[in-house]
N, C-alpha and C. Protein backbone atom coordinates (compact mmCIF):
# COMPACT_ATOMS: atom_id res chain seq x y z
N MET A 1 -12.44 4.47 15.59
CA MET A 1 -11.86 5.27 16.30
C MET A 1 -12.09 6.74 15.90
N THR A 2 -12.28 7.51 16.68
CA THR A 2 -12.62 9.12 16.23
C THR A 2 -11.45 9.90 16.94
N ALA A 3 -11.43 11.05 16.43
CA ALA A 3 -10.44 11.97 17.03
C ALA A 3 -10.47 13.23 16.42
N THR A 4 -10.49 14.44 17.09
CA THR A 4 -10.25 15.68 16.53
C THR A 4 -8.98 15.93 16.03
N THR A 5 -8.77 16.23 14.82
CA THR A 5 -7.43 16.27 14.27
C THR A 5 -7.10 17.97 13.70
N SER A 6 -8.24 18.76 14.01
CA SER A 6 -8.03 20.07 13.66
C SER A 6 -6.84 20.75 14.31
N ALA A 7 -6.60 20.33 15.60
CA ALA A 7 -5.50 20.98 16.39
C ALA A 7 -4.19 20.56 15.78
N ASP A 8 -4.11 19.57 15.13
CA ASP A 8 -2.86 18.97 14.58
C ASP A 8 -1.91 19.94 13.76
N PRO A 9 -0.97 20.35 14.14
CA PRO A 9 -0.22 21.42 13.31
C PRO A 9 0.23 21.12 12.06
N ARG A 10 0.30 19.60 11.84
CA ARG A 10 0.81 19.16 10.54
C ARG A 10 -0.22 19.50 9.46
N LEU A 11 -1.59 19.78 9.85
CA LEU A 11 -2.63 19.99 8.95
C LEU A 11 -2.70 21.36 8.42
N SER A 12 -2.09 22.45 8.86
CA SER A 12 -2.27 23.79 8.55
C SER A 12 -3.53 24.39 8.46
N GLY A 13 -4.33 23.84 9.53
CA GLY A 13 -5.68 24.50 9.39
C GLY A 13 -6.78 23.68 8.68
N ARG A 14 -6.34 22.72 8.02
CA ARG A 14 -7.46 21.94 7.34
C ARG A 14 -7.92 20.82 8.24
N ALA A 15 -9.18 20.43 7.79
CA ALA A 15 -9.93 19.55 8.93
C ALA A 15 -10.00 18.24 8.27
N LEU A 16 -9.94 17.17 8.96
CA LEU A 16 -10.08 15.93 8.68
C LEU A 16 -11.32 15.31 9.50
N ARG A 17 -12.03 14.42 8.71
CA ARG A 17 -13.35 13.93 9.51
C ARG A 17 -13.11 13.36 10.68
N ARG A 18 -12.17 12.13 10.72
CA ARG A 18 -11.85 11.42 11.88
C ARG A 18 -10.67 10.77 11.45
N VAL A 19 -10.22 10.19 12.64
CA VAL A 19 -8.89 9.12 12.65
C VAL A 19 -9.60 7.76 12.47
N ALA A 20 -9.15 7.17 11.53
CA ALA A 20 -9.64 5.74 11.25
C ALA A 20 -8.55 4.72 11.90
N PHE A 21 -7.37 4.93 11.75
CA PHE A 21 -6.25 3.98 12.44
C PHE A 21 -5.32 4.93 13.07
N ASP A 22 -5.04 4.81 14.32
CA ASP A 22 -3.95 5.72 14.97
C ASP A 22 -2.75 5.06 14.78
N GLU A 23 -1.65 5.79 15.26
CA GLU A 23 -0.10 5.26 15.03
C GLU A 23 -0.11 3.84 15.84
N GLU A 24 -0.60 3.83 17.01
CA GLU A 24 -0.07 2.44 17.68
C GLU A 24 -0.92 1.15 16.97
N THR A 25 -2.00 1.59 16.47
CA THR A 25 -2.88 0.22 15.88
C THR A 25 -2.01 0.08 14.67
N ILE A 26 -1.66 1.00 13.71
CA ILE A 26 -0.74 0.61 12.53
C ILE A 26 0.32 0.15 12.83
N ALA A 27 1.35 0.47 14.00
CA ALA A 27 2.47 -0.08 14.38
C ALA A 27 2.42 -1.72 14.69
N SER A 28 1.21 -1.89 15.43
CA SER A 28 1.04 -3.33 15.92
C SER A 28 0.69 -4.26 14.78
N ARG A 29 -0.10 -3.51 13.86
CA ARG A 29 -0.35 -4.49 12.63
C ARG A 29 0.68 -4.72 11.59
N VAL A 30 1.33 -3.62 11.44
CA VAL A 30 2.49 -3.74 10.43
C VAL A 30 3.54 -4.90 10.93
N ALA A 31 3.84 -4.89 12.19
CA ALA A 31 4.74 -5.83 12.97
C ALA A 31 4.26 -7.35 12.69
N GLU A 32 2.76 -7.51 12.83
CA GLU A 32 2.15 -8.78 12.48
C GLU A 32 2.29 -9.10 11.24
N LEU A 33 1.97 -8.16 10.36
CA LEU A 33 2.19 -8.47 8.83
C LEU A 33 3.65 -9.03 8.47
N GLY A 34 4.62 -8.27 9.12
CA GLY A 34 6.04 -8.68 8.92
C GLY A 34 6.29 -10.15 9.18
N ALA A 35 5.51 -10.45 10.45
CA ALA A 35 5.67 -11.93 10.84
C ALA A 35 5.18 -12.93 9.96
N GLU A 36 3.91 -12.53 9.41
CA GLU A 36 3.19 -13.32 8.56
C GLU A 36 3.98 -13.39 7.26
N ILE A 37 4.59 -12.54 6.80
CA ILE A 37 5.17 -12.64 5.48
C ILE A 37 6.49 -13.49 5.77
N THR A 38 7.31 -13.24 6.90
CA THR A 38 8.31 -14.10 7.13
C THR A 38 8.14 -15.43 7.13
N ASN A 39 6.97 -15.79 7.64
CA ASN A 39 6.52 -17.41 7.97
C ASN A 39 6.08 -17.77 6.46
N ALA A 40 5.60 -17.01 5.37
CA ALA A 40 5.15 -17.48 4.29
C ALA A 40 6.16 -17.65 3.25
N TYR A 41 7.41 -17.04 3.48
CA TYR A 41 8.38 -17.28 2.60
C TYR A 41 9.75 -17.82 3.31
N PRO A 42 9.59 -19.26 3.58
CA PRO A 42 10.80 -19.79 4.30
C PRO A 42 12.16 -19.94 3.36
N ASP A 43 11.92 -19.89 2.01
CA ASP A 43 13.06 -20.05 1.14
C ASP A 43 12.76 -19.29 -0.05
N GLY A 44 13.98 -19.35 -0.84
CA GLY A 44 13.86 -18.64 -2.17
C GLY A 44 14.14 -17.20 -1.99
N GLU A 45 14.46 -16.42 -3.19
CA GLU A 45 14.75 -15.11 -3.12
C GLU A 45 13.49 -14.32 -3.06
N LEU A 46 13.19 -13.20 -2.10
CA LEU A 46 12.04 -12.52 -1.99
C LEU A 46 12.38 -11.09 -2.29
N LEU A 47 11.60 -10.56 -3.27
CA LEU A 47 11.74 -9.24 -3.73
C LEU A 47 10.38 -8.46 -3.37
N VAL A 48 10.54 -7.61 -2.42
CA VAL A 48 9.50 -6.65 -1.80
C VAL A 48 9.30 -5.53 -2.87
N LEU A 49 8.31 -5.36 -3.65
CA LEU A 49 8.20 -4.27 -4.69
C LEU A 49 7.17 -3.40 -4.12
N GLY A 50 7.26 -2.14 -3.89
CA GLY A 50 6.64 -1.13 -3.29
C GLY A 50 6.00 -0.17 -4.49
N LEU A 51 4.73 -0.04 -4.27
CA LEU A 51 3.98 0.73 -5.32
C LEU A 51 3.94 2.15 -4.71
N LEU A 52 4.77 3.05 -5.38
CA LEU A 52 4.99 4.38 -5.00
C LEU A 52 3.87 5.32 -5.64
N LYS A 53 3.54 6.23 -4.94
CA LYS A 53 4.33 6.80 -3.78
C LYS A 53 3.38 6.30 -2.55
N GLY A 54 2.30 6.00 -2.47
CA GLY A 54 1.53 5.72 -1.34
C GLY A 54 2.03 4.60 -0.50
N SER A 55 2.93 3.52 -0.82
CA SER A 55 3.29 2.71 -0.07
C SER A 55 4.56 2.84 0.46
N PHE A 56 5.26 4.06 0.57
CA PHE A 56 6.52 4.09 0.92
C PHE A 56 6.66 4.27 2.52
N ILE A 57 5.87 4.73 3.15
CA ILE A 57 5.94 4.82 4.51
C ILE A 57 5.65 3.16 5.06
N PHE A 58 4.48 2.48 4.62
CA PHE A 58 4.22 1.41 5.03
C PHE A 58 5.11 0.43 4.68
N LEU A 59 5.84 0.33 3.46
CA LEU A 59 6.85 -0.53 2.98
C LEU A 59 8.17 -0.32 4.06
N SER A 60 8.51 0.90 4.38
CA SER A 60 9.75 1.04 5.14
C SER A 60 9.45 0.39 6.43
N ASP A 61 8.44 0.57 7.11
CA ASP A 61 8.07 0.10 8.36
C ASP A 61 7.96 -1.57 8.30
N LEU A 62 7.32 -1.96 7.20
CA LEU A 62 7.12 -3.42 7.12
C LEU A 62 8.31 -4.13 6.72
N VAL A 63 9.26 -3.76 6.01
CA VAL A 63 10.39 -4.53 5.60
C VAL A 63 11.14 -4.69 6.96
N ARG A 64 11.27 -3.89 7.87
CA ARG A 64 11.93 -3.84 9.12
C ARG A 64 11.56 -4.96 10.06
N HIS A 65 10.24 -5.60 9.77
CA HIS A 65 9.73 -6.58 10.46
C HIS A 65 9.73 -8.00 9.72
N ILE A 66 10.28 -8.15 8.57
CA ILE A 66 10.43 -9.19 7.83
C ILE A 66 11.84 -9.74 8.19
N VAL A 67 11.93 -11.06 8.84
CA VAL A 67 13.15 -11.31 9.45
C VAL A 67 13.68 -12.55 8.38
N ARG A 68 14.10 -12.00 7.42
CA ARG A 68 14.76 -13.17 6.22
C ARG A 68 15.53 -12.08 5.32
N PRO A 69 16.33 -12.61 4.55
CA PRO A 69 16.94 -11.81 3.50
C PRO A 69 15.99 -11.34 2.38
N ILE A 70 15.96 -10.19 2.11
CA ILE A 70 14.89 -9.63 1.08
C ILE A 70 15.69 -8.58 0.24
N GLN A 71 15.17 -8.38 -0.79
CA GLN A 71 15.42 -7.17 -1.77
C GLN A 71 14.44 -6.26 -1.74
N VAL A 72 14.43 -5.01 -2.08
CA VAL A 72 13.53 -4.04 -2.21
C VAL A 72 13.67 -3.30 -3.51
N ASP A 73 12.66 -3.11 -4.18
CA ASP A 73 12.53 -2.13 -5.34
C ASP A 73 11.33 -1.38 -5.36
N PHE A 74 10.99 -0.67 -6.41
CA PHE A 74 9.79 0.01 -6.32
C PHE A 74 9.18 0.39 -7.80
N LEU A 75 7.81 0.41 -7.90
CA LEU A 75 7.08 0.69 -9.08
C LEU A 75 6.40 2.18 -8.91
N VAL A 76 6.09 2.90 -9.86
CA VAL A 76 5.37 4.05 -9.94
C VAL A 76 4.24 3.94 -10.96
N ALA A 77 3.12 4.05 -10.53
CA ALA A 77 2.00 3.97 -11.31
C ALA A 77 0.94 5.19 -10.91
N ALA A 78 0.36 5.59 -11.92
CA ALA A 78 -0.68 6.83 -11.65
C ALA A 78 -2.04 6.46 -12.12
N SER A 79 -3.09 6.76 -11.43
CA SER A 79 -4.46 6.64 -11.66
C SER A 79 -5.31 7.78 -11.04
N TYR A 80 -4.95 8.43 -10.11
CA TYR A 80 -5.70 9.57 -9.40
C TYR A 80 -5.51 10.92 -9.79
N GLY A 81 -4.14 11.34 -10.01
CA GLY A 81 -4.06 12.71 -10.14
C GLY A 81 -4.37 13.44 -8.84
N ASP A 82 -5.31 14.58 -8.99
CA ASP A 82 -5.58 15.30 -7.92
C ASP A 82 -7.15 15.26 -7.62
N ALA A 83 -7.69 14.02 -8.17
CA ALA A 83 -8.98 13.64 -7.92
C ALA A 83 -9.20 12.69 -6.63
N THR A 84 -10.49 12.49 -6.38
CA THR A 84 -10.69 11.58 -5.05
C THR A 84 -11.15 10.10 -5.52
N VAL A 85 -11.28 10.05 -7.13
CA VAL A 85 -11.62 8.89 -7.54
C VAL A 85 -10.82 8.54 -8.74
N SER A 86 -10.37 7.21 -8.95
CA SER A 86 -9.58 6.81 -9.81
C SER A 86 -10.02 7.04 -11.38
N SER A 87 -9.07 7.61 -12.01
CA SER A 87 -9.51 7.98 -13.48
C SER A 87 -9.77 6.65 -14.23
N GLY A 88 -9.38 5.49 -13.89
CA GLY A 88 -9.49 4.28 -14.59
C GLY A 88 -8.37 4.04 -15.69
N THR A 89 -7.44 5.13 -15.89
CA THR A 89 -6.38 4.79 -16.67
C THR A 89 -5.23 4.72 -15.82
N VAL A 90 -4.48 3.57 -15.81
CA VAL A 90 -3.21 3.17 -15.07
C VAL A 90 -1.96 3.65 -15.80
N ARG A 91 -1.22 4.48 -15.62
CA ARG A 91 0.03 4.69 -16.36
C ARG A 91 1.30 4.24 -15.24
N LEU A 92 2.14 3.40 -16.03
CA LEU A 92 3.35 2.93 -15.28
C LEU A 92 4.43 4.05 -15.56
N LEU A 93 4.91 4.60 -14.60
CA LEU A 93 5.73 5.94 -14.57
C LEU A 93 7.25 5.31 -14.47
N TYR A 94 7.50 4.31 -13.41
CA TYR A 94 8.83 3.84 -13.19
C TYR A 94 8.62 2.31 -13.11
N ASP A 95 9.29 1.50 -13.76
CA ASP A 95 9.48 0.12 -13.79
C ASP A 95 10.66 -0.47 -12.98
N PRO A 96 10.46 -1.38 -12.18
CA PRO A 96 11.90 -2.09 -11.39
C PRO A 96 12.85 -2.33 -12.19
N GLU A 97 14.00 -1.85 -11.77
CA GLU A 97 15.25 -2.46 -12.59
C GLU A 97 15.65 -3.69 -11.91
N THR A 98 15.28 -4.37 -11.14
CA THR A 98 15.65 -5.57 -10.48
C THR A 98 14.92 -6.70 -11.45
N THR A 99 15.68 -7.67 -11.46
CA THR A 99 15.28 -8.83 -12.50
C THR A 99 14.09 -9.61 -11.53
N LEU A 100 12.97 -10.13 -11.97
CA LEU A 100 11.91 -10.55 -11.32
C LEU A 100 11.87 -12.05 -11.54
N GLU A 101 12.47 -12.72 -12.66
CA GLU A 101 12.14 -14.06 -12.96
C GLU A 101 12.94 -14.88 -11.79
N GLY A 102 12.02 -15.84 -11.47
CA GLY A 102 12.49 -16.91 -10.53
C GLY A 102 12.40 -16.43 -9.16
N LYS A 103 12.04 -15.22 -8.64
CA LYS A 103 12.00 -14.77 -7.45
C LYS A 103 10.63 -14.85 -6.84
N HIS A 104 10.35 -14.86 -5.63
CA HIS A 104 9.04 -14.54 -4.88
C HIS A 104 8.73 -13.01 -4.84
N ILE A 105 7.73 -12.73 -5.53
CA ILE A 105 7.64 -11.00 -5.62
C ILE A 105 6.35 -10.84 -4.72
N LEU A 106 6.68 -9.83 -3.91
CA LEU A 106 5.54 -9.37 -2.99
C LEU A 106 5.39 -7.92 -3.29
N LEU A 107 4.15 -7.61 -4.04
CA LEU A 107 3.74 -6.24 -4.36
C LEU A 107 3.03 -5.63 -3.17
N VAL A 108 3.68 -4.43 -2.71
CA VAL A 108 3.26 -3.81 -1.55
C VAL A 108 2.41 -2.54 -1.99
N GLU A 109 1.18 -2.48 -1.58
CA GLU A 109 0.17 -1.49 -2.02
C GLU A 109 -0.33 -0.64 -0.68
N ASP A 110 -0.62 0.54 -0.89
CA ASP A 110 -1.14 1.25 0.35
C ASP A 110 -2.63 0.76 0.51
N ILE A 111 -3.41 1.05 -0.68
CA ILE A 111 -5.01 0.72 -0.33
C ILE A 111 -5.40 0.06 -1.62
N VAL A 112 -6.20 -1.04 -1.68
CA VAL A 112 -6.90 -1.43 -2.56
C VAL A 112 -8.32 -0.94 -2.64
N ASP A 113 -8.58 -0.35 -3.73
CA ASP A 113 -9.87 0.60 -3.94
C ASP A 113 -10.47 0.01 -5.13
N SER A 114 -10.45 0.45 -6.25
CA SER A 114 -11.05 -0.11 -7.49
C SER A 114 -10.50 -1.33 -8.11
N GLY A 115 -9.26 -1.33 -7.70
CA GLY A 115 -8.53 -2.71 -8.18
C GLY A 115 -7.89 -2.60 -9.54
N ARG A 116 -8.22 -1.45 -10.27
CA ARG A 116 -7.66 -1.28 -11.75
C ARG A 116 -6.16 -1.23 -11.81
N THR A 117 -5.47 -0.52 -10.97
CA THR A 117 -4.15 -0.49 -10.65
C THR A 117 -3.57 -1.81 -10.52
N LEU A 118 -3.97 -2.61 -9.66
CA LEU A 118 -3.37 -3.78 -9.30
C LEU A 118 -3.54 -4.89 -10.37
N ASN A 119 -4.77 -4.68 -10.93
CA ASN A 119 -4.93 -5.59 -12.27
C ASN A 119 -3.93 -5.45 -13.34
N ARG A 120 -3.77 -4.34 -13.72
CA ARG A 120 -2.79 -3.71 -14.79
C ARG A 120 -1.27 -4.44 -14.18
N LEU A 121 -0.91 -3.82 -13.02
CA LEU A 121 0.37 -4.18 -12.60
C LEU A 121 0.68 -5.61 -12.50
N MET A 122 -0.28 -6.39 -12.02
CA MET A 122 -0.17 -7.86 -11.80
C MET A 122 0.10 -8.47 -13.23
N THR A 123 -0.65 -8.07 -14.15
CA THR A 123 -0.57 -8.63 -15.35
C THR A 123 0.98 -8.43 -15.95
N VAL A 124 1.40 -7.05 -15.75
CA VAL A 124 2.85 -6.79 -16.18
C VAL A 124 3.84 -7.70 -15.42
N LEU A 125 3.70 -7.78 -14.14
CA LEU A 125 4.52 -8.61 -13.43
C LEU A 125 4.51 -10.00 -13.69
N GLU A 126 3.40 -10.67 -13.93
CA GLU A 126 3.47 -12.01 -14.19
C GLU A 126 4.10 -12.36 -15.47
N GLU A 127 4.28 -11.54 -16.46
CA GLU A 127 4.96 -11.70 -17.81
C GLU A 127 6.43 -11.83 -17.67
N ARG A 128 6.82 -11.41 -16.36
CA ARG A 128 8.20 -11.50 -16.10
C ARG A 128 8.74 -12.80 -15.37
N ALA A 129 7.77 -13.68 -15.34
CA ALA A 129 8.02 -15.20 -14.65
C ALA A 129 8.53 -15.30 -13.39
N PRO A 130 7.98 -14.57 -12.44
CA PRO A 130 8.51 -14.74 -11.07
C PRO A 130 8.14 -16.24 -10.65
N ARG A 131 8.66 -16.49 -9.55
CA ARG A 131 8.57 -17.92 -8.75
C ARG A 131 7.07 -17.90 -8.25
N SER A 132 6.70 -16.57 -7.61
CA SER A 132 5.43 -16.48 -7.12
C SER A 132 5.15 -14.87 -7.05
N LEU A 133 3.91 -14.73 -7.10
CA LEU A 133 3.57 -13.22 -7.13
C LEU A 133 2.26 -13.16 -6.23
N GLU A 134 2.42 -12.24 -5.03
CA GLU A 134 1.38 -11.98 -4.14
C GLU A 134 1.42 -10.25 -3.93
N ILE A 135 0.23 -10.09 -3.22
CA ILE A 135 -0.03 -8.62 -2.95
C ILE A 135 -0.06 -8.58 -1.28
N CYS A 136 0.49 -7.52 -0.87
CA CYS A 136 0.30 -7.01 0.35
C CYS A 136 -0.27 -5.62 0.58
N ALA A 137 -1.40 -5.58 1.13
CA ALA A 137 -2.13 -4.18 1.18
C ALA A 137 -2.21 -3.64 2.56
N LEU A 138 -1.83 -2.53 2.77
CA LEU A 138 -2.18 -1.94 4.23
C LEU A 138 -3.55 -2.04 4.42
N LEU A 139 -4.46 -1.24 3.45
CA LEU A 139 -5.96 -1.27 3.44
C LEU A 139 -6.60 -1.79 2.41
N HIS A 140 -7.75 -2.43 2.57
CA HIS A 140 -8.59 -3.18 1.58
C HIS A 140 -9.98 -2.56 1.84
N LYS A 141 -10.70 -1.89 0.68
CA LYS A 141 -11.84 -1.40 0.77
C LYS A 141 -12.90 -2.50 0.80
N ARG A 142 -12.54 -3.43 -0.17
CA ARG A 142 -13.21 -4.63 -0.42
C ARG A 142 -14.52 -4.02 -1.15
N ILE A 143 -14.22 -3.23 -2.17
CA ILE A 143 -15.41 -2.72 -3.16
C ILE A 143 -15.07 -3.00 -4.72
N ALA A 144 -13.73 -3.55 -4.80
CA ALA A 144 -13.31 -3.73 -6.17
C ALA A 144 -14.14 -5.10 -6.74
N ILE A 145 -14.94 -4.72 -7.78
CA ILE A 145 -15.73 -5.93 -8.22
C ILE A 145 -14.75 -6.69 -9.38
N GLU A 146 -13.89 -5.87 -9.89
CA GLU A 146 -13.19 -6.50 -10.88
C GLU A 146 -11.65 -6.88 -10.69
N LEU A 147 -11.48 -7.09 -9.36
CA LEU A 147 -10.02 -7.48 -8.85
C LEU A 147 -9.82 -8.65 -9.27
N ASN A 148 -8.61 -9.10 -10.02
CA ASN A 148 -8.37 -10.49 -10.63
C ASN A 148 -7.46 -11.07 -9.49
N HIS A 149 -6.74 -10.33 -8.61
CA HIS A 149 -5.82 -10.99 -7.63
C HIS A 149 -6.05 -10.40 -6.20
N ASP A 150 -6.55 -11.27 -5.32
CA ASP A 150 -6.90 -10.83 -4.09
C ASP A 150 -5.58 -10.79 -3.30
N PRO A 151 -5.48 -9.76 -2.60
CA PRO A 151 -4.14 -9.74 -1.66
C PRO A 151 -4.14 -10.83 -0.58
N LYS A 152 -2.92 -11.20 -0.52
CA LYS A 152 -2.79 -12.46 0.40
C LYS A 152 -2.50 -11.91 1.77
N PHE A 153 -2.03 -10.66 2.05
CA PHE A 153 -1.75 -9.91 3.25
C PHE A 153 -2.37 -8.56 3.23
N VAL A 154 -3.26 -8.50 4.19
CA VAL A 154 -4.06 -7.25 4.39
C VAL A 154 -4.07 -6.86 5.79
N GLY A 155 -3.58 -5.42 5.77
CA GLY A 155 -3.40 -4.83 7.29
C GLY A 155 -4.78 -4.66 7.83
N PHE A 156 -5.53 -3.90 7.15
CA PHE A 156 -6.88 -3.56 7.76
C PHE A 156 -7.99 -3.44 6.67
N ASP A 157 -9.30 -3.99 7.03
CA ASP A 157 -10.44 -3.57 6.18
C ASP A 157 -10.66 -1.98 6.18
N ALA A 158 -10.82 -1.44 5.25
CA ALA A 158 -10.92 0.10 5.25
C ALA A 158 -12.23 0.70 5.06
N PRO A 159 -12.64 1.65 5.83
CA PRO A 159 -13.86 2.34 5.53
C PRO A 159 -14.16 2.70 4.12
N HIS A 160 -15.30 2.98 3.77
CA HIS A 160 -15.59 3.48 2.24
C HIS A 160 -15.48 4.96 2.48
N GLU A 161 -14.37 5.62 2.67
CA GLU A 161 -14.18 6.93 2.82
C GLU A 161 -12.79 7.17 2.16
N PHE A 162 -12.46 8.57 1.66
CA PHE A 162 -11.20 8.72 1.05
C PHE A 162 -10.19 9.01 2.16
N LEU A 163 -9.34 8.29 2.26
CA LEU A 163 -8.38 8.30 3.25
C LEU A 163 -7.07 8.79 3.10
N VAL A 164 -6.55 9.55 4.11
CA VAL A 164 -4.93 10.10 3.83
C VAL A 164 -4.23 9.84 5.10
N GLY A 165 -2.99 9.84 4.96
CA GLY A 165 -1.94 9.80 5.87
C GLY A 165 -1.34 8.42 5.85
N TYR A 166 -0.08 8.27 6.47
CA TYR A 166 0.66 7.27 6.60
C TYR A 166 1.02 6.55 5.12
N GLY A 167 1.42 7.86 4.15
CA GLY A 167 1.68 7.48 2.88
C GLY A 167 0.58 7.97 1.86
N LEU A 168 -0.68 7.69 2.48
CA LEU A 168 -1.86 8.07 1.56
C LEU A 168 -1.93 9.51 1.47
N ASP A 169 -2.48 9.98 0.03
CA ASP A 169 -2.45 11.37 -0.07
C ASP A 169 -3.82 11.76 -0.76
N HIS A 170 -3.93 13.27 -0.75
CA HIS A 170 -4.84 13.78 -1.58
C HIS A 170 -3.98 15.00 -2.40
N ALA A 171 -3.87 14.89 -3.60
CA ALA A 171 -3.16 15.93 -4.36
C ALA A 171 -1.91 16.26 -3.79
N GLU A 172 -1.05 14.98 -3.29
CA GLU A 172 0.36 15.12 -2.66
C GLU A 172 0.21 15.73 -1.27
N ASN A 173 -0.80 15.89 -0.64
CA ASN A 173 -0.91 16.43 0.65
C ASN A 173 -1.13 15.26 1.77
N PHE A 174 -0.73 15.43 2.86
CA PHE A 174 -1.32 14.51 4.04
C PHE A 174 -0.28 13.14 4.24
N ARG A 175 0.48 12.93 3.25
CA ARG A 175 1.27 11.67 3.33
C ARG A 175 2.00 11.51 4.65
N HIS A 176 2.56 12.80 5.17
CA HIS A 176 3.33 12.65 6.26
C HIS A 176 2.58 12.34 7.71
N LEU A 177 1.24 12.37 7.77
CA LEU A 177 0.64 12.14 8.91
C LEU A 177 0.72 10.69 9.42
N PRO A 178 1.21 10.68 10.80
CA PRO A 178 1.47 9.32 11.35
C PRO A 178 0.17 8.37 11.52
N TYR A 179 -0.86 8.87 11.26
CA TYR A 179 -2.11 8.14 11.38
C TYR A 179 -2.86 8.11 9.96
N ILE A 180 -3.96 7.39 9.98
CA ILE A 180 -4.83 7.32 8.69
C ILE A 180 -6.11 7.92 9.10
N ALA A 181 -6.61 8.93 8.24
CA ALA A 181 -7.66 9.65 8.77
C ALA A 181 -8.60 9.78 7.25
N SER A 182 -9.94 10.02 7.64
CA SER A 182 -10.71 10.29 6.42
C SER A 182 -10.80 11.82 6.15
N LEU A 183 -10.65 12.14 4.86
CA LEU A 183 -10.76 13.39 4.37
C LEU A 183 -12.02 14.01 4.34
N GLN A 184 -12.17 15.19 5.02
CA GLN A 184 -13.30 15.98 5.04
C GLN A 184 -13.95 16.48 3.70
């Protein structure tokens, strides 16, 4: 999909290269993911654990399509700062307060890129003895050569571009866009 985004008043004159996924396409796929997750967890306690900040919009839409009892909590990890490439160092800035032991844990991520953040987080979460531990990613670039845990649920295969919108940012900008676009 391509679209001119320069006329979008939310951009304050900044230009994006193209729209990769529009609002309607995202909404449809998120509803499908919610149904897939509902079917995958017929019993037991399910904790949907959002990785902030990038996943917050995706997570809020996703949980409304999961038709079963769930709990929601968050993690905050940092590896990008204001760069467009991961630094390789993952810092856990906020740890969930919810007990993970014996629960199905679904870690919700905005985008799988290098895989470093996911590898670090999965190790930390596995140590807490969950009943099961899976990943749901809105976007997967399929370039992570050292990814130890492949996402069970994936919204879209992502182009190899730096993407913003629908929660994804560059230096805290563009998260509020209702579509996903590549940064120029």
